[in-house]
Amino acid sequence: MSSTTLEEKQYLLRFRCDTKSHLTVLDHDICATKCPDKICTVFCPAEVYKWEGSRMQVGYEGCHECGSCRIGCPYQNIKWEYPKGGHGIVFRLA
């Protein structure tokens, strides 16, 4: 029996992206001043959150819709909504 890596499993995911993000950082100043560890850049399995310069960048196009950002931000500074109907993640079975 072969084991499958997380990267191989993520390759099976496909996304139908909307033009509008379903993820919103509510206050970028909170990320900059109150959150030195930028924990969302660590716990998101899709690496959607990236700290660049002085601002949190959100690459919503690759979101796995797991909701970890919704509960993991210690400042409740991320608004998470389901993508608009027909958009978002599509699981493909191997």
N, C-alpha and C. Protein backbone atom coordinates (compact mmCIF):
# COMPACT_ATOMS: atom_id res chain seq x y z
N MET A 1 0.84 -1.18 0.00
CA MET A 1 0.00 0.00 0.00
C MET A 1 0.89 1.25 0.00
N SER A 2 0.64 2.18 -0.88
CA SER A 2 1.47 3.38 -0.95
C SER A 2 0.82 4.51 -0.15
N SER A 3 1.67 5.34 0.46
CA SER A 3 1.15 6.49 1.19
C SER A 3 1.18 7.70 0.25
N THR A 4 0.21 8.54 0.41
CA THR A 4 0.09 9.73 -0.42
C THR A 4 0.46 10.95 0.41
N THR A 5 1.28 11.82 -0.13
CA THR A 5 1.68 13.02 0.59
C THR A 5 0.57 14.07 0.50
N LEU A 6 0.65 15.04 1.40
CA LEU A 6 -0.31 16.13 1.40
C LEU A 6 -0.28 16.87 0.06
N GLU A 7 0.91 17.08 -0.46
CA GLU A 7 1.05 17.78 -1.74
C GLU A 7 0.36 17.02 -2.87
N GLU A 8 0.48 15.69 -2.86
CA GLU A 8 -0.17 14.88 -3.89
C GLU A 8 -1.69 14.95 -3.75
N LYS A 9 -2.18 14.98 -2.52
CA LYS A 9 -3.62 15.09 -2.30
C LYS A 9 -4.13 16.46 -2.74
N GLN A 10 -3.35 17.51 -2.46
CA GLN A 10 -3.76 18.85 -2.86
C GLN A 10 -3.81 18.99 -4.38
N TYR A 11 -3.02 18.22 -5.08
CA TYR A 11 -3.03 18.26 -6.54
C TYR A 11 -4.38 17.82 -7.10
N LEU A 12 -5.12 17.03 -6.33
CA LEU A 12 -6.43 16.55 -6.78
C LEU A 12 -7.52 17.61 -6.64
N LEU A 13 -7.23 18.72 -5.99
CA LEU A 13 -8.21 19.78 -5.80
C LEU A 13 -8.23 20.71 -7.00
N ARG A 14 -9.38 21.13 -7.39
CA ARG A 14 -9.53 22.11 -8.47
C ARG A 14 -10.41 23.23 -7.96
N PHE A 15 -10.23 24.41 -8.53
CA PHE A 15 -10.95 25.58 -8.07
C PHE A 15 -11.64 26.27 -9.23
N ARG A 16 -12.83 26.71 -8.98
CA ARG A 16 -13.53 27.57 -9.93
C ARG A 16 -13.63 28.92 -9.24
N CYS A 17 -12.74 29.82 -9.62
CA CYS A 17 -12.60 31.09 -8.91
C CYS A 17 -13.63 32.11 -9.34
N ASP A 18 -14.09 32.84 -8.36
CA ASP A 18 -14.94 33.99 -8.58
C ASP A 18 -14.02 35.20 -8.76
N THR A 19 -14.54 36.29 -9.22
CA THR A 19 -13.73 37.49 -9.36
C THR A 19 -13.64 38.25 -8.05
N LYS A 20 -14.49 37.90 -7.07
CA LYS A 20 -14.50 38.55 -5.77
C LYS A 20 -14.11 37.54 -4.70
N SER A 21 -13.25 37.96 -3.79
CA SER A 21 -12.78 37.08 -2.72
C SER A 21 -13.88 36.79 -1.70
N HIS A 22 -13.90 35.57 -1.21
CA HIS A 22 -14.81 35.21 -0.12
C HIS A 22 -14.11 35.30 1.23
N LEU A 23 -12.85 35.73 1.21
CA LEU A 23 -12.03 35.92 2.40
C LEU A 23 -11.65 37.39 2.51
N THR A 24 -11.83 37.97 3.70
CA THR A 24 -11.51 39.37 3.88
C THR A 24 -10.75 39.58 5.18
N VAL A 25 -9.60 40.24 5.12
CA VAL A 25 -8.91 40.69 6.32
C VAL A 25 -9.61 42.00 6.71
N LEU A 26 -10.23 42.02 7.88
CA LEU A 26 -11.05 43.15 8.27
C LEU A 26 -10.24 44.41 8.56
N ASP A 27 -9.09 44.26 9.23
CA ASP A 27 -8.28 45.42 9.59
C ASP A 27 -6.80 45.04 9.45
N HIS A 28 -6.15 45.54 8.43
CA HIS A 28 -4.75 45.20 8.18
C HIS A 28 -3.83 45.74 9.27
N ASP A 29 -4.26 46.79 9.98
CA ASP A 29 -3.45 47.33 11.07
C ASP A 29 -3.33 46.33 12.22
N ILE A 30 -4.37 45.53 12.45
CA ILE A 30 -4.30 44.51 13.50
C ILE A 30 -3.22 43.50 13.16
N CYS A 31 -3.15 43.09 11.92
CA CYS A 31 -2.10 42.15 11.49
C CYS A 31 -0.72 42.77 11.70
N ALA A 32 -0.59 44.03 11.39
CA ALA A 32 0.71 44.70 11.46
C ALA A 32 1.15 44.99 12.88
N THR A 33 0.22 45.33 13.76
CA THR A 33 0.62 45.81 15.09
C THR A 33 0.36 44.83 16.23
N LYS A 34 -0.65 44.00 16.13
CA LYS A 34 -1.01 43.13 17.25
C LYS A 34 -0.65 41.67 17.06
N CYS A 35 -0.28 41.28 15.85
CA CYS A 35 -0.06 39.86 15.57
C CYS A 35 1.36 39.63 15.03
N PRO A 36 2.35 39.58 15.92
CA PRO A 36 3.73 39.45 15.45
C PRO A 36 4.02 38.11 14.77
N ASP A 37 3.29 37.06 15.12
CA ASP A 37 3.56 35.74 14.56
C ASP A 37 2.86 35.48 13.23
N LYS A 38 1.89 36.33 12.87
CA LYS A 38 1.13 36.15 11.61
C LYS A 38 0.69 34.69 11.49
N ILE A 39 -0.01 34.23 12.52
CA ILE A 39 -0.35 32.81 12.66
C ILE A 39 -1.16 32.27 11.48
N CYS A 40 -1.93 33.09 10.81
CA CYS A 40 -2.70 32.61 9.67
C CYS A 40 -1.80 32.12 8.54
N THR A 41 -0.58 32.65 8.48
CA THR A 41 0.35 32.20 7.45
C THR A 41 0.89 30.80 7.75
N VAL A 42 0.65 30.32 8.98
CA VAL A 42 1.13 29.01 9.40
C VAL A 42 0.04 27.95 9.33
N PHE A 43 -1.16 28.25 9.84
CA PHE A 43 -2.18 27.19 9.95
C PHE A 43 -3.00 26.95 8.70
N CYS A 44 -2.95 27.82 7.72
CA CYS A 44 -3.74 27.62 6.50
C CYS A 44 -3.06 26.55 5.64
N PRO A 45 -3.73 25.41 5.40
CA PRO A 45 -3.09 24.34 4.63
C PRO A 45 -2.86 24.71 3.16
N ALA A 46 -3.59 25.67 2.66
CA ALA A 46 -3.43 26.08 1.26
C ALA A 46 -2.47 27.25 1.10
N GLU A 47 -1.93 27.74 2.21
CA GLU A 47 -1.02 28.89 2.19
C GLU A 47 -1.64 30.08 1.49
N VAL A 48 -2.90 30.34 1.83
CA VAL A 48 -3.65 31.45 1.22
C VAL A 48 -3.14 32.80 1.72
N TYR A 49 -2.69 32.85 2.97
CA TYR A 49 -2.28 34.11 3.60
C TYR A 49 -0.77 34.27 3.53
N LYS A 50 -0.33 35.41 3.01
CA LYS A 50 1.10 35.73 2.88
C LYS A 50 1.32 37.15 3.38
N TRP A 51 2.31 37.31 4.26
CA TRP A 51 2.68 38.63 4.73
C TRP A 51 3.69 39.20 3.75
N GLU A 52 3.32 40.31 3.11
CA GLU A 52 4.20 40.94 2.12
C GLU A 52 4.34 42.42 2.44
N GLY A 53 5.54 42.81 2.80
CA GLY A 53 5.78 44.20 3.15
C GLY A 53 5.10 44.55 4.45
N SER A 54 4.07 45.36 4.39
CA SER A 54 3.34 45.77 5.58
C SER A 54 1.87 45.39 5.51
N ARG A 55 1.55 44.39 4.69
CA ARG A 55 0.14 44.05 4.46
C ARG A 55 -0.03 42.55 4.26
N MET A 56 -1.14 42.04 4.75
CA MET A 56 -1.49 40.64 4.55
C MET A 56 -2.13 40.50 3.17
N GLN A 57 -1.58 39.62 2.37
CA GLN A 57 -2.12 39.34 1.05
C GLN A 57 -2.93 38.04 1.12
N VAL A 58 -4.08 38.03 0.47
CA VAL A 58 -4.98 36.87 0.52
C VAL A 58 -5.13 36.31 -0.89
N GLY A 59 -4.62 35.10 -1.10
CA GLY A 59 -4.76 34.42 -2.39
C GLY A 59 -5.95 33.48 -2.35
N TYR A 60 -7.14 34.04 -2.32
CA TYR A 60 -8.37 33.27 -2.14
C TYR A 60 -8.59 32.21 -3.21
N GLU A 61 -7.93 32.34 -4.33
CA GLU A 61 -8.15 31.44 -5.46
C GLU A 61 -7.80 29.99 -5.14
N GLY A 62 -6.93 29.78 -4.15
CA GLY A 62 -6.52 28.42 -3.79
C GLY A 62 -7.10 27.92 -2.48
N CYS A 63 -8.09 28.63 -1.95
CA CYS A 63 -8.67 28.29 -0.65
C CYS A 63 -9.32 26.91 -0.68
N HIS A 64 -9.03 26.11 0.35
CA HIS A 64 -9.62 24.77 0.46
C HIS A 64 -10.98 24.78 1.16
N GLU A 65 -11.40 25.96 1.60
CA GLU A 65 -12.69 26.14 2.30
C GLU A 65 -12.79 25.29 3.56
N CYS A 66 -11.67 25.12 4.25
CA CYS A 66 -11.66 24.32 5.48
C CYS A 66 -12.18 25.11 6.67
N GLY A 67 -12.11 26.45 6.60
CA GLY A 67 -12.60 27.29 7.68
C GLY A 67 -11.61 27.49 8.81
N SER A 68 -10.38 27.01 8.67
CA SER A 68 -9.41 27.17 9.76
C SER A 68 -9.12 28.65 10.05
N CYS A 69 -9.14 29.49 9.04
CA CYS A 69 -8.88 30.91 9.27
C CYS A 69 -10.02 31.56 10.05
N ARG A 70 -11.19 31.05 9.87
CA ARG A 70 -12.38 31.58 10.55
C ARG A 70 -12.25 31.41 12.06
N ILE A 71 -11.64 30.30 12.48
CA ILE A 71 -11.52 30.04 13.91
C ILE A 71 -10.11 30.24 14.45
N GLY A 72 -9.11 30.28 13.58
CA GLY A 72 -7.72 30.33 14.03
C GLY A 72 -7.16 31.70 14.30
N CYS A 73 -7.73 32.73 13.71
CA CYS A 73 -7.20 34.08 13.93
C CYS A 73 -7.51 34.50 15.37
N PRO A 74 -6.47 34.78 16.17
CA PRO A 74 -6.71 35.13 17.57
C PRO A 74 -7.43 36.46 17.75
N TYR A 75 -7.53 37.26 16.71
CA TYR A 75 -8.19 38.56 16.78
C TYR A 75 -9.51 38.60 16.01
N GLN A 76 -9.94 37.45 15.52
CA GLN A 76 -11.17 37.36 14.72
C GLN A 76 -11.17 38.44 13.64
N ASN A 77 -10.05 38.53 12.96
CA ASN A 77 -9.84 39.59 11.97
C ASN A 77 -10.01 39.11 10.54
N ILE A 78 -10.46 37.87 10.37
CA ILE A 78 -10.68 37.33 9.03
C ILE A 78 -12.16 36.99 8.88
N LYS A 79 -12.77 37.58 7.88
CA LYS A 79 -14.16 37.26 7.56
C LYS A 79 -14.15 36.18 6.48
N TRP A 80 -14.82 35.06 6.77
CA TRP A 80 -14.87 33.92 5.86
C TRP A 80 -16.32 33.68 5.47
N GLU A 81 -16.56 33.60 4.19
CA GLU A 81 -17.90 33.30 3.68
C GLU A 81 -17.76 32.19 2.65
N TYR A 82 -18.82 31.47 2.41
CA TYR A 82 -18.78 30.49 1.32
C TYR A 82 -18.68 31.24 0.00
N PRO A 83 -17.95 30.71 -0.96
CA PRO A 83 -17.91 31.35 -2.28
C PRO A 83 -19.31 31.35 -2.91
N LYS A 84 -19.49 32.27 -3.82
CA LYS A 84 -20.76 32.37 -4.54
C LYS A 84 -21.07 31.03 -5.22
N GLY A 85 -22.33 30.70 -5.34
CA GLY A 85 -22.77 29.44 -5.93
C GLY A 85 -22.05 29.11 -7.23
N GLY A 86 -21.61 27.85 -7.34
CA GLY A 86 -20.92 27.41 -8.54
C GLY A 86 -19.44 27.70 -8.54
N HIS A 87 -18.95 28.39 -7.49
CA HIS A 87 -17.53 28.73 -7.40
C HIS A 87 -16.93 28.05 -6.18
N GLY A 88 -15.62 28.02 -6.14
CA GLY A 88 -14.93 27.45 -4.99
C GLY A 88 -14.24 26.16 -5.34
N ILE A 89 -14.07 25.34 -4.34
CA ILE A 89 -13.29 24.11 -4.48
C ILE A 89 -14.12 22.99 -5.13
N VAL A 90 -13.43 22.21 -5.92
CA VAL A 90 -14.03 21.02 -6.55
C VAL A 90 -13.08 19.86 -6.24
N PHE A 91 -13.62 18.82 -5.61
CA PHE A 91 -12.79 17.67 -5.26
C PHE A 91 -12.82 16.68 -6.41
N ARG A 92 -11.64 16.18 -6.74
CA ARG A 92 -11.50 15.20 -7.81
C ARG A 92 -10.93 13.92 -7.19
N LEU A 93 -11.59 12.83 -7.39
CA LEU A 93 -11.12 11.57 -6.82
C LEU A 93 -10.13 10.93 -7.76
N ALA A 94 -9.10 10.35 -7.16
CA ALA A 94 -8.06 9.69 -7.97
C ALA A 94 -8.49 8.29 -8.34
